[in-house]
Amino acid sequence: MRRWILTAFLSFAGLTGGCASRPAAPPVALPQLTPPPAAEAPCEAYVLPPDATRADLDEGYVRRGAQIAACDAARRLALETLKAEHALEAETLRRMGRRRR
């Protein structure tokens, strides 16, 4: 039992000592993009009135179609913003790696 504790302690000390001998990397502020308000707004969904008529159904189809198109455009905008942010982060990290060498 004591031999196991000594082995674990020495292993832990070796791992900790290996990390402590390296200089700490300076904190890096990665670029962050703010998504447009349209990308964060919740999507609307038309709800039929309780006593819906045929005209209400027709209006619902038209409204829902427009709302789905608007929601998809907002989703696409949010995705493009996220991809652009990831590209900026990757470029920043790549440039930092080049400077350190």
C-alpha atoms as a PDB file:
ATOM      1  CA  MET A   1       0.000   0.000   0.000  1.00  0.00           C
ATOM      2  CA  ARG A   2       2.788   2.439   0.941  1.00  0.00           C
ATOM      3  CA  ARG A   3       4.671   1.690  -2.247  1.00  0.00           C
ATOM      4  CA  TRP A   4       1.551   2.582  -4.294  1.00  0.00           C
ATOM      5  CA  ILE A   5       1.146   5.896  -2.423  1.00  0.00           C
ATOM      6  CA  LEU A   6       4.809   6.762  -2.992  1.00  0.00           C
ATOM      7  CA  THR A   7       4.530   5.902  -6.696  1.00  0.00           C
ATOM      8  CA  ALA A   8       1.398   8.021  -7.067  1.00  0.00           C
ATOM      9  CA  PHE A   9       2.996  10.937  -5.218  1.00  0.00           C
ATOM     10  CA  LEU A  10       6.141  10.868  -7.354  1.00  0.00           C
ATOM     11  CA  SER A  11       4.096  10.617 -10.546  1.00  0.00           C
ATOM     12  CA  PHE A  12       1.948  13.566  -9.505  1.00  0.00           C
ATOM     13  CA  ALA A  13       5.012  15.615  -8.560  1.00  0.00           C
ATOM     14  CA  GLY A  14       6.632  14.835 -11.904  1.00  0.00           C
ATOM     15  CA  LEU A  15       3.559  15.876 -13.857  1.00  0.00           C
ATOM     16  CA  THR A  16       3.153  19.065 -11.857  1.00  0.00           C
ATOM     17  CA  GLY A  17       6.841  19.909 -12.127  1.00  0.00           C
ATOM     18  CA  GLY A  18       6.752  19.450 -15.894  1.00  0.00           C
ATOM     19  CA  CYS A  19       3.989  22.002 -16.270  1.00  0.00           C
ATOM     20  CA  ALA A  20       5.519  24.422 -13.782  1.00  0.00           C
ATOM     21  CA  SER A  21       8.804  24.641 -15.685  1.00  0.00           C
ATOM     22  CA  ARG A  22       7.117  26.063 -18.799  1.00  0.00           C
ATOM     23  CA  PRO A  23       6.366  29.784 -18.907  1.00  0.00           C
ATOM     24  CA  ALA A  24       2.690  30.593 -18.798  1.00  0.00           C
ATOM     25  CA  ALA A  25       1.149  31.603 -22.081  1.00  0.00           C
ATOM     26  CA  PRO A  26      -0.114  35.176 -22.070  1.00  0.00           C
ATOM     27  CA  PRO A  27      -3.880  35.518 -22.093  1.00  0.00           C
ATOM     28  CA  VAL A  28      -5.239  36.078 -25.557  1.00  0.00           C
ATOM     29  CA  ALA A  29      -8.324  38.063 -26.388  1.00  0.00           C
ATOM     30  CA  LEU A  30      -9.873  36.207 -29.294  1.00  0.00           C
ATOM     31  CA  PRO A  31     -12.075  38.266 -31.587  1.00  0.00           C
ATOM     32  CA  GLN A  32     -15.789  38.019 -30.981  1.00  0.00           C
ATOM     33  CA  LEU A  33     -18.532  39.156 -33.316  1.00  0.00           C
ATOM     34  CA  THR A  34     -21.877  40.441 -32.135  1.00  0.00           C
ATOM     35  CA  PRO A  35     -24.707  38.804 -34.049  1.00  0.00           C
ATOM     36  CA  PRO A  36     -27.227  41.145 -35.646  1.00  0.00           C
ATOM     37  CA  PRO A  37     -30.472  41.618 -33.681  1.00  0.00           C
ATOM     38  CA  ALA A  38     -32.416  39.811 -36.410  1.00  0.00           C
ATOM     39  CA  ALA A  39     -30.369  36.674 -35.748  1.00  0.00           C
ATOM     40  CA  GLU A  40     -31.268  36.673 -32.043  1.00  0.00           C
ATOM     41  CA  ALA A  41     -34.965  37.518 -32.311  1.00  0.00           C
ATOM     42  CA  PRO A  42     -37.361  34.615 -31.783  1.00  0.00           C
ATOM     43  CA  CYS A  43     -39.308  33.459 -34.807  1.00  0.00           C
ATOM     44  CA  GLU A  44     -42.991  34.262 -34.985  1.00  0.00           C
ATOM     45  CA  ALA A  45     -45.647  31.682 -35.727  1.00  0.00           C
ATOM     46  CA  TYR A  46     -49.177  32.539 -36.775  1.00  0.00           C
ATOM     47  CA  VAL A  47     -51.819  30.840 -34.641  1.00  0.00           C
ATOM     48  CA  LEU A  48     -55.308  30.258 -35.949  1.00  0.00           C
ATOM     49  CA  PRO A  49     -58.138  31.853 -33.999  1.00  0.00           C
ATOM     50  CA  PRO A  50     -60.406  29.461 -32.068  1.00  0.00           C
ATOM     51  CA  ASP A  51     -63.285  29.896 -34.511  1.00  0.00           C
ATOM     52  CA  ALA A  52     -61.186  29.689 -37.681  1.00  0.00           C
ATOM     53  CA  THR A  53     -62.839  30.020 -41.065  1.00  0.00           C
ATOM     54  CA  ARG A  54     -61.605  29.092 -44.518  1.00  0.00           C
ATOM     55  CA  ALA A  55     -60.298  32.661 -44.935  1.00  0.00           C
ATOM     56  CA  ASP A  56     -58.331  32.318 -41.669  1.00  0.00           C
ATOM     57  CA  LEU A  57     -56.758  29.101 -42.961  1.00  0.00           C
ATOM     58  CA  ASP A  58     -55.756  30.779 -46.232  1.00  0.00           C
ATOM     59  CA  GLU A  59     -54.297  33.741 -44.343  1.00  0.00           C
ATOM     60  CA  GLY A  60     -52.482  31.333 -42.021  1.00  0.00           C
ATOM     61  CA  TYR A  61     -50.795  29.538 -44.931  1.00  0.00           C
ATOM     62  CA  VAL A  62     -49.584  32.831 -46.398  1.00  0.00           C
ATOM     63  CA  ARG A  63     -48.397  34.233 -43.056  1.00  0.00           C
ATOM     64  CA  ARG A  64     -46.677  31.029 -41.989  1.00  0.00           C
ATOM     65  CA  GLY A  65     -44.856  30.796 -45.305  1.00  0.00           C
ATOM     66  CA  ALA A  66     -43.528  34.334 -44.915  1.00  0.00           C
ATOM     67  CA  GLN A  67     -42.609  33.685 -41.275  1.00  0.00           C
ATOM     68  CA  ILE A  68     -40.739  30.499 -42.147  1.00  0.00           C
ATOM     69  CA  ALA A  69     -38.773  32.334 -44.852  1.00  0.00           C
ATOM     70  CA  ALA A  70     -37.893  35.154 -42.409  1.00  0.00           C
ATOM     71  CA  CYS A  71     -36.893  32.669 -39.710  1.00  0.00           C
ATOM     72  CA  ASP A  72     -34.685  30.756 -42.141  1.00  0.00           C
ATOM     73  CA  ALA A  73     -32.989  34.002 -43.219  1.00  0.00           C
ATOM     74  CA  ALA A  74     -32.307  34.895 -39.567  1.00  0.00           C
ATOM     75  CA  ARG A  75     -30.917  31.405 -38.930  1.00  0.00           C
ATOM     76  CA  ARG A  76     -28.664  31.707 -41.968  1.00  0.00           C
ATOM     77  CA  LEU A  77     -27.445  35.122 -40.751  1.00  0.00           C
ATOM     78  CA  ALA A  78     -26.634  33.705 -37.313  1.00  0.00           C
ATOM     79  CA  LEU A  79     -24.749  30.799 -38.886  1.00  0.00           C
ATOM     80  CA  GLU A  80     -22.725  33.108 -41.143  1.00  0.00           C
ATOM     81  CA  THR A  81     -21.812  35.249 -38.119  1.00  0.00           C
ATOM     82  CA  LEU A  82     -20.696  32.170 -36.181  1.00  0.00           C
ATOM     83  CA  LYS A  83     -18.585  30.896 -39.095  1.00  0.00           C
ATOM     84  CA  ALA A  84     -16.967  34.323 -39.515  1.00  0.00           C
ATOM     85  CA  GLU A  85     -16.135  34.443 -35.797  1.00  0.00           C
ATOM     86  CA  HIS A  86     -14.554  30.983 -35.919  1.00  0.00           C
ATOM     87  CA  ALA A  87     -12.498  32.011 -38.954  1.00  0.00           C
ATOM     88  CA  LEU A  88     -11.243  35.115 -37.118  1.00  0.00           C
ATOM     89  CA  GLU A  89     -10.352  33.027 -34.064  1.00  0.00           C
ATOM     90  CA  ALA A  90      -8.461  30.505 -36.191  1.00  0.00           C
ATOM     91  CA  GLU A  91      -6.582  33.296 -37.983  1.00  0.00           C
ATOM     92  CA  THR A  92      -5.671  34.933 -34.663  1.00  0.00           C
ATOM     93  CA  LEU A  93      -4.401  31.649 -33.229  1.00  0.00           C
ATOM     94  CA  ARG A  94      -2.463  30.913 -36.423  1.00  0.00           C
ATOM     95  CA  ARG A  95      -0.756  34.316 -36.258  1.00  0.00           C
ATOM     96  CA  MET A  96       0.059  33.819 -32.583  1.00  0.00           C
ATOM     97  CA  GLY A  97       1.637  30.456 -33.342  1.00  0.00           C
ATOM     98  CA  ARG A  98       3.771  32.055 -36.014  1.00  0.00           C
ATOM     99  CA  ARG A  99       5.019  34.739 -33.583  1.00  0.00           C
ATOM    100  CA  ARG A 100       5.987  32.266 -30.858  1.00  0.00           C
ATOM    101  CA  ARG A 101       8.314  30.225 -33.047  1.00  0.00           C
END
